[in-house]
Amino acid sequence: MKLPRITILATLLLTAPAAAQLQITPPVATPSAAPAKEKAKEKPATKPHTITKKKDAAPKPSASPSPAPAATVIPAPPTDNSNVDLVYGAYQRGQYKTALELATARAQAGDAKAMTMLGELYSNAMGIRRDYAKASQWYKRASDAGDREAMFALAMLRMSGRGGPVDKGEAVKLMASAAKLGEPKAAYNLALLYLDGQTLPQDVKRSAELLRQAADAGLPEAQYALATFYKEGTGVPKDPERAVRLLQAATLTDNVDAEVEYAIALFNGTGTPKNQPAAVALLRKASRQGSAIAQNRLAWVLINGVGAQMDKIEGFKWHLVAKTAGKGDPELDKQLSDLSPDDRAKAEAAARKWLGTK
């Protein structure tokens, strides 16, 4: 069995562009056989369902790699501490200097959440010049005080070598501590390390357990990842139905990759009753969100009139848009060349308009 291939950007508490990233592309390996039948699902996929083309036939699954889950910003929830809520409220409104002043006063009084906020502000240059060393210091103080978000943020700095030397051993310990305290992003990233097998011994079952923890906490990347584990039978028994339920959950949070996978499952009736109109609606949504895979599948649906009314101009528009993102299709190129000059010009103009080019 091939292990899922995954490259995922991990996110920090109150993440901003400068946040550290964890990227993992695990090797191909053969894990031990999964036990009988269990329920749960997981992500990193090598062979997601795809819509293929056949004359006069509905699309069917085929083997083609799926994109890695995209990183998302997951802000820290409000706390019971009214003072910290003031700090967080200022942060949410973009009043970073105010947040800095309020957090500094609270941190000096020993408030761990305020210390974590200071680490965030220094790490991402919000209201103050970026200073990873100071961010690391504040995260460390908050971590020592038991704040799980600070533990995870500090772990990511240690993994990337920002604010100090790279220390993967300490990073793993911090992630494990944060995961035990219920931090879903820590559990998710720790799962990736177990899947990768470089920083930690490869253990797909442990990876699946951690992904389940993060998925149960509502982390869409973990839900998407666990869905593929269930679809492929990686670290868990195969369970297409549970995989689809996880994809559906991730779709509710606008996870684009989950939208594409869930749409294809609906289109083909894999692990869920077939519902092509709903699938096409999701493909349209993901296409507008920039998914080249969704654009390619939507092009086929519209050009062939399967599951939706035939619209060759709109279909070839999406084909041309997907092609600019590296999702070209020789068969669709051939069909495009057979289109009338007038219709081809309309499709090309529509694609240029979408891409914002002349």
Protein backbone atom coordinates (compact mmCIF):
# COMPACT_ATOMS: atom_id res chain seq x y z
CA MET A 1 0.00 0.00 0.00
CA LYS A 2 1.34 3.39 -0.86
CA LEU A 3 1.40 6.03 1.82
CA PRO A 4 -0.45 9.21 1.01
CA ARG A 5 1.74 11.99 -0.36
CA ILE A 6 1.26 15.25 1.49
CA THR A 7 2.79 18.71 1.60
CA ILE A 8 1.03 20.84 4.18
CA LEU A 9 1.62 24.32 5.53
CA ALA A 10 1.06 24.33 9.29
CA THR A 11 -0.45 27.42 10.86
CA LEU A 12 0.14 29.23 14.11
CA LEU A 13 -2.25 30.70 16.63
CA LEU A 14 -3.57 33.97 15.16
CA THR A 15 -1.39 33.29 12.14
CA ALA A 16 -0.06 35.99 9.84
CA PRO A 17 2.05 35.71 6.65
CA ALA A 18 5.31 35.55 8.56
CA ALA A 19 4.29 32.48 10.56
CA ALA A 20 6.56 29.45 10.45
CA GLN A 21 5.56 26.64 8.12
CA LEU A 22 5.95 22.91 8.37
CA GLN A 23 6.19 21.11 5.04
CA ILE A 24 6.25 17.35 4.80
CA THR A 25 6.39 15.02 1.83
CA PRO A 26 6.49 11.48 3.23
CA PRO A 27 8.21 8.66 1.33
CA VAL A 28 6.42 5.74 -0.23
CA ALA A 29 6.19 2.89 2.22
CA THR A 30 4.16 -0.18 3.01
CA PRO A 31 2.42 0.07 6.38
CA SER A 32 1.12 -2.91 8.23
CA ALA A 33 -2.30 -4.23 7.24
CA ALA A 34 -5.22 -2.37 8.74
CA PRO A 35 -7.61 -4.21 11.11
CA ALA A 36 -11.03 -5.41 10.11
CA LYS A 37 -13.68 -2.67 9.93
CA GLU A 38 -13.59 0.55 11.87
CA LYS A 39 -15.02 3.98 11.34
CA ALA A 40 -13.02 7.12 10.78
CA LYS A 41 -11.21 8.80 7.93
CA GLU A 42 -8.21 10.67 7.01
CA LYS A 43 -6.34 12.81 4.46
CA PRO A 44 -3.02 12.88 2.63
CA ALA A 45 -4.08 11.17 -0.57
CA THR A 46 -2.30 9.63 -3.45
CA LYS A 47 -5.33 8.55 -5.45
CA PRO A 48 -8.35 10.75 -4.88
CA HIS A 49 -11.53 10.13 -6.81
CA THR A 50 -11.47 11.91 -10.13
CA ILE A 51 -13.92 12.42 -12.90
CA THR A 52 -12.81 10.86 -16.13
CA LYS A 53 -14.29 11.13 -19.56
CA LYS A 54 -15.98 8.57 -21.80
CA LYS A 55 -18.22 9.17 -24.73
CA ASP A 56 -21.90 8.94 -23.81
CA ALA A 57 -21.05 7.89 -20.27
CA ALA A 58 -20.92 9.57 -16.90
CA PRO A 59 -17.47 10.31 -15.43
CA LYS A 60 -15.96 7.55 -13.35
CA PRO A 61 -13.21 7.42 -10.69
CA SER A 62 -9.61 7.28 -11.83
CA ALA A 63 -6.23 7.52 -10.18
CA SER A 64 -4.86 11.04 -10.04
CA PRO A 65 -3.09 12.84 -7.20
CA SER A 66 -4.98 15.42 -5.21
CA PRO A 67 -3.61 18.79 -4.14
CA ALA A 68 -2.28 19.30 -0.65
CA PRO A 69 -4.58 20.92 1.85
CA ALA A 70 -4.16 24.63 1.99
CA ALA A 71 -3.13 26.41 5.15
CA THR A 72 -5.84 28.38 6.91
CA VAL A 73 -5.92 30.98 9.62
CA ILE A 74 -7.42 29.68 12.84
CA PRO A 75 -7.77 32.51 15.38
CA ALA A 76 -7.69 31.86 19.09
CA PRO A 77 -11.11 31.78 20.73
CA PRO A 78 -12.15 34.34 23.35
CA THR A 79 -11.31 33.45 26.92
CA ASP A 80 -13.11 33.90 30.22
CA ASN A 81 -10.61 36.61 31.17
CA SER A 82 -12.24 39.97 30.39
CA ASN A 83 -8.83 41.68 30.24
CA VAL A 84 -7.58 39.22 27.67
CA ASP A 85 -10.82 39.66 25.75
CA LEU A 86 -9.99 43.36 25.46
CA VAL A 87 -6.60 42.43 24.08
CA TYR A 88 -8.07 39.95 21.64
CA GLY A 89 -10.81 42.38 20.64
CA ALA A 90 -8.23 45.02 19.75
CA TYR A 91 -6.29 42.41 17.77
CA GLN A 92 -9.40 41.36 15.85
CA ARG A 93 -10.12 44.98 14.93
CA GLY A 94 -6.59 45.42 13.64
CA GLN A 95 -5.67 47.76 16.47
CA TYR A 96 -2.32 46.08 17.00
CA LYS A 97 -0.62 48.87 18.92
CA THR A 98 -3.50 48.93 21.36
CA ALA A 99 -3.35 45.14 21.63
CA LEU A 100 0.39 45.42 22.26
CA GLU A 101 -0.06 47.94 25.07
CA LEU A 102 -2.87 46.01 26.73
CA ALA A 103 -1.09 42.65 26.35
CA THR A 104 2.16 44.04 27.76
CA ALA A 105 0.43 45.22 30.91
CA ARG A 106 -1.39 41.90 31.35
CA ALA A 107 1.73 39.84 30.58
CA GLN A 108 3.72 41.71 33.21
CA ALA A 109 0.99 40.74 35.66
CA GLY A 110 1.54 37.08 34.76
CA ASP A 111 -1.26 36.50 32.26
CA ALA A 112 -0.21 33.60 30.01
CA LYS A 113 -2.72 34.42 27.24
CA ALA A 114 -1.38 37.96 27.06
CA MET A 115 2.15 36.56 26.80
CA THR A 116 1.04 34.42 23.88
CA MET A 117 -0.49 37.48 22.22
CA LEU A 118 2.80 39.34 22.58
CA GLY A 119 4.58 36.43 20.93
CA GLU A 120 2.10 36.64 18.08
CA LEU A 121 2.51 40.38 17.64
CA TYR A 122 6.31 40.22 17.64
CA SER A 123 6.35 37.17 15.36
CA ASN A 124 4.15 38.77 12.73
CA ALA A 125 5.22 42.42 12.97
CA MET A 126 1.82 43.62 14.17
CA GLY A 127 2.03 47.03 15.81
CA ILE A 128 5.76 46.57 16.29
CA ARG A 129 8.84 45.55 14.33
CA ARG A 130 9.15 41.80 13.80
CA ASP A 131 11.42 40.21 16.37
CA TYR A 132 11.46 36.43 16.45
CA ALA A 133 13.79 36.37 19.45
CA LYS A 134 11.32 38.36 21.55
CA ALA A 135 8.43 36.35 20.17
CA SER A 136 10.22 33.18 21.24
CA GLN A 137 10.79 34.59 24.71
CA TRP A 138 7.14 35.45 25.21
CA TYR A 139 5.96 32.14 23.78
CA LYS A 140 8.39 30.39 26.14
CA ARG A 141 7.04 32.22 29.18
CA ALA A 142 3.46 31.45 28.18
CA SER A 143 4.36 27.85 27.42
CA ASP A 144 5.98 27.43 30.84
CA ALA A 145 2.75 28.81 32.31
CA GLY A 146 0.81 26.03 30.57
CA ASP A 147 -0.65 27.81 27.54
CA ARG A 148 -1.14 25.22 24.79
CA GLU A 149 -1.28 27.74 21.91
CA ALA A 150 2.07 29.15 23.01
CA MET A 151 3.53 25.64 23.15
CA PHE A 152 2.53 25.05 19.55
CA ALA A 153 3.72 28.47 18.36
CA LEU A 154 7.07 27.97 20.08
CA ALA A 155 7.34 24.49 18.58
CA MET A 156 6.94 25.95 15.09
CA LEU A 157 9.64 28.54 15.76
CA ARG A 158 11.96 25.78 16.97
CA MET A 159 11.22 23.72 13.85
CA SER A 160 12.02 26.64 11.55
CA GLY A 161 14.98 28.04 13.47
CA ARG A 162 13.37 31.44 13.92
CA GLY A 163 14.24 33.24 17.12
CA GLY A 164 16.95 30.69 17.87
CA PRO A 165 18.63 27.57 16.53
CA VAL A 166 16.63 24.71 15.02
CA ASP A 167 15.71 22.27 17.74
CA LYS A 168 13.38 19.58 16.41
CA GLY A 169 13.62 17.56 19.60
CA GLU A 170 12.25 20.42 21.70
CA ALA A 171 9.69 21.19 18.97
CA VAL A 172 8.33 17.64 19.12
CA LYS A 173 8.09 17.73 22.91
CA LEU A 174 6.24 21.04 22.80
CA MET A 175 3.85 19.75 20.12
CA ALA A 176 3.17 16.61 22.09
CA SER A 177 2.45 18.62 25.24
CA ALA A 178 0.15 20.99 23.35
CA ALA A 179 -1.65 18.06 21.70
CA LYS A 180 -2.23 16.43 25.10
CA LEU A 181 -3.80 19.68 26.25
CA GLY A 182 -6.17 19.60 23.29
CA GLU A 183 -4.49 21.92 20.79
CA PRO A 184 -5.75 20.62 17.39
CA LYS A 185 -3.03 22.27 15.27
CA ALA A 186 -0.38 20.61 17.41
CA ALA A 187 -2.03 17.20 17.02
CA TYR A 188 -2.31 17.76 13.26
CA ASN A 189 1.35 18.71 12.80
CA LEU A 190 2.51 15.92 15.08
CA ALA A 191 0.52 13.54 12.88
CA LEU A 192 2.44 14.81 9.86
CA LEU A 193 5.74 14.15 11.59
CA TYR A 194 4.70 10.56 12.32
CA LEU A 195 3.63 10.18 8.72
CA ASP A 196 6.88 11.66 7.41
CA GLY A 197 9.06 9.28 9.39
CA GLN A 198 12.09 11.58 9.47
CA THR A 199 11.86 13.63 12.65
CA LEU A 200 9.91 10.83 14.35
CA PRO A 201 9.73 7.09 13.59
CA GLN A 202 7.10 6.50 10.93
CA ASP A 203 3.86 5.34 12.53
CA VAL A 204 0.76 5.67 10.35
CA LYS A 205 -1.57 4.37 13.05
CA ARG A 206 -0.36 6.99 15.52
CA SER A 207 -0.65 9.57 12.74
CA ALA A 208 -4.27 8.53 12.18
CA GLU A 209 -5.02 8.79 15.92
CA LEU A 210 -3.67 12.34 16.06
CA LEU A 211 -5.51 13.33 12.91
CA ARG A 212 -8.72 12.00 14.44
CA GLN A 213 -8.11 14.12 17.53
CA ALA A 214 -7.63 17.24 15.41
CA ALA A 215 -10.56 16.36 13.13
CA ASP A 216 -12.89 15.85 16.11
CA ALA A 217 -11.86 19.33 17.28
CA GLY A 218 -13.06 20.72 13.95
CA LEU A 219 -9.77 21.38 12.16
CA PRO A 220 -10.68 21.18 8.43
CA GLU A 221 -7.17 20.22 7.28
CA ALA A 222 -7.24 17.27 9.65
CA GLN A 223 -10.73 16.29 8.50
CA TYR A 224 -9.56 16.36 4.89
CA ALA A 225 -6.41 14.40 5.76
CA LEU A 226 -8.24 11.80 7.80
CA ALA A 227 -10.82 11.40 5.04
CA THR A 228 -8.15 10.13 2.68
CA PHE A 229 -6.70 7.82 5.30
CA TYR A 230 -10.13 6.19 5.46
CA LYS A 231 -10.49 6.21 1.70
CA GLU A 232 -7.08 4.59 1.21
CA GLY A 233 -7.04 2.41 4.33
CA THR A 234 -3.90 4.08 5.67
CA GLY A 235 -3.51 3.50 9.40
CA VAL A 236 -7.23 2.70 9.62
CA PRO A 237 -9.60 0.27 7.90
CA LYS A 238 -11.02 1.47 4.59
CA ASP A 239 -14.33 3.22 5.11
CA PRO A 240 -15.57 5.24 2.11
CA GLU A 241 -18.70 6.36 3.95
CA ARG A 242 -16.77 7.80 6.86
CA ALA A 243 -14.32 9.40 4.44
CA VAL A 244 -17.17 11.20 2.74
CA ARG A 245 -18.61 12.40 6.05
CA LEU A 246 -15.26 13.91 6.95
CA LEU A 247 -15.00 15.57 3.55
CA GLN A 248 -18.46 16.98 4.01
CA ALA A 249 -17.50 18.41 7.41
CA ALA A 250 -14.39 20.06 5.96
CA THR A 251 -16.47 21.43 3.09
CA LEU A 252 -18.68 23.28 5.55
CA THR A 253 -15.64 25.38 6.51
CA ASP A 254 -14.93 26.24 2.85
CA ASN A 255 -11.89 23.98 2.60
CA VAL A 256 -11.43 24.06 -1.18
CA ASP A 257 -9.64 20.73 -1.53
CA ALA A 258 -12.34 19.02 0.51
CA GLU A 259 -14.98 20.65 -1.69
CA VAL A 260 -13.37 19.11 -4.77
CA GLU A 261 -13.06 15.64 -3.25
CA TYR A 262 -16.58 15.74 -1.86
CA ALA A 263 -17.96 16.95 -5.20
CA ILE A 264 -16.30 14.06 -7.02
CA ALA A 265 -17.62 11.56 -4.46
CA LEU A 266 -21.13 12.97 -4.95
CA PHE A 267 -20.76 12.92 -8.73
CA ASN A 268 -19.69 9.28 -8.81
CA GLY A 269 -21.79 8.09 -5.85
CA THR A 270 -18.72 6.87 -3.97
CA GLY A 271 -19.44 6.40 -0.28
CA THR A 272 -22.58 8.50 -0.61
CA PRO A 273 -25.72 8.56 -2.75
CA LYS A 274 -25.04 10.01 -6.20
CA ASN A 275 -26.08 13.64 -6.49
CA GLN A 276 -24.66 15.17 -9.65
CA PRO A 277 -26.42 18.56 -9.41
CA ALA A 278 -24.97 19.07 -5.92
CA ALA A 279 -21.58 17.91 -7.17
CA VAL A 280 -21.62 20.37 -10.05
CA ALA A 281 -22.60 23.19 -7.69
CA LEU A 282 -19.59 22.38 -5.50
CA LEU A 283 -17.30 22.19 -8.55
CA ARG A 284 -18.50 25.63 -9.59
CA LYS A 285 -17.81 26.98 -6.12
CA ALA A 286 -14.32 25.44 -5.94
CA SER A 287 -13.58 26.65 -9.48
CA ARG A 288 -14.43 30.20 -8.52
CA GLN A 289 -12.16 29.77 -5.49
CA GLY A 290 -9.28 28.98 -7.83
CA SER A 291 -9.00 25.18 -7.74
CA ALA A 292 -7.49 24.09 -11.05
CA ILE A 293 -8.65 20.50 -10.47
CA ALA A 294 -12.23 21.68 -9.97
CA GLN A 295 -11.95 23.85 -13.08
CA ASN A 296 -10.79 20.87 -15.12
CA ARG A 297 -13.61 18.63 -13.85
CA LEU A 298 -16.19 21.36 -14.34
CA ALA A 299 -14.98 21.85 -17.90
CA TRP A 300 -15.64 18.19 -18.67
CA VAL A 301 -19.07 18.29 -17.07
CA LEU A 302 -20.18 21.35 -19.03
CA ILE A 303 -18.63 20.34 -22.35
CA ASN A 304 -20.19 16.88 -22.23
CA GLY A 305 -23.46 17.93 -20.58
CA VAL A 306 -23.24 15.26 -17.87
CA GLY A 307 -24.89 16.26 -14.59
CA ALA A 308 -25.47 19.77 -15.93
CA GLN A 309 -26.79 21.48 -19.02
CA MET A 310 -24.24 21.45 -21.84
CA ASP A 311 -22.42 24.78 -22.20
CA LYS A 312 -19.34 24.41 -24.38
CA ILE A 313 -18.30 28.05 -24.22
CA GLU A 314 -18.39 28.09 -20.41
CA GLY A 315 -16.80 24.65 -20.31
CA PHE A 316 -13.90 25.59 -22.54
CA LYS A 317 -13.47 28.79 -20.57
CA TRP A 318 -12.76 26.71 -17.48
CA HIS A 319 -10.54 24.38 -19.49
CA LEU A 320 -8.39 27.30 -20.60
CA VAL A 321 -8.29 28.73 -17.07
CA ALA A 322 -7.25 25.35 -15.62
CA LYS A 323 -4.61 25.00 -18.32
CA THR A 324 -2.88 28.20 -17.18
CA ALA A 325 -2.53 26.58 -13.74
CA GLY A 326 -0.91 23.44 -15.16
CA LYS A 327 -4.05 21.31 -15.44
CA GLY A 328 -4.10 21.03 -19.21
CA ASP A 329 -5.97 18.26 -21.00
CA PRO A 330 -5.00 17.06 -24.49
CA GLU A 331 -8.47 15.66 -25.19
CA LEU A 332 -10.11 18.96 -24.37
CA ASP A 333 -7.50 20.76 -26.47
CA LYS A 334 -8.53 18.61 -29.40
CA GLN A 335 -12.22 19.33 -28.82
CA LEU A 336 -11.43 23.03 -28.54
CA SER A 337 -9.73 22.93 -31.95
CA ASP A 338 -12.93 21.44 -33.41
CA LEU A 339 -15.04 24.29 -32.04
CA SER A 340 -16.31 26.91 -34.48
CA PRO A 341 -14.06 29.99 -34.73
CA ASP A 342 -16.80 32.16 -33.25
CA ASP A 343 -17.42 29.91 -30.24
CA ARG A 344 -13.71 29.43 -29.67
CA ALA A 345 -13.20 33.19 -29.65
CA LYS A 346 -16.00 33.55 -27.08
CA ALA A 347 -14.46 30.88 -24.84
CA GLU A 348 -11.01 32.46 -25.08
CA ALA A 349 -12.42 35.91 -24.31
CA ALA A 350 -14.28 34.53 -21.28
CA ALA A 351 -11.08 32.88 -20.02
CA ARG A 352 -9.09 36.11 -20.46
CA LYS A 353 -11.76 38.03 -18.59
CA TRP A 354 -11.65 35.55 -15.70
CA LEU A 355 -7.86 35.65 -15.59
CA GLY A 356 -7.83 39.44 -15.80
CA THR A 357 -5.74 39.50 -18.97
CA LYS A 358 -6.37 41.30 -22.26
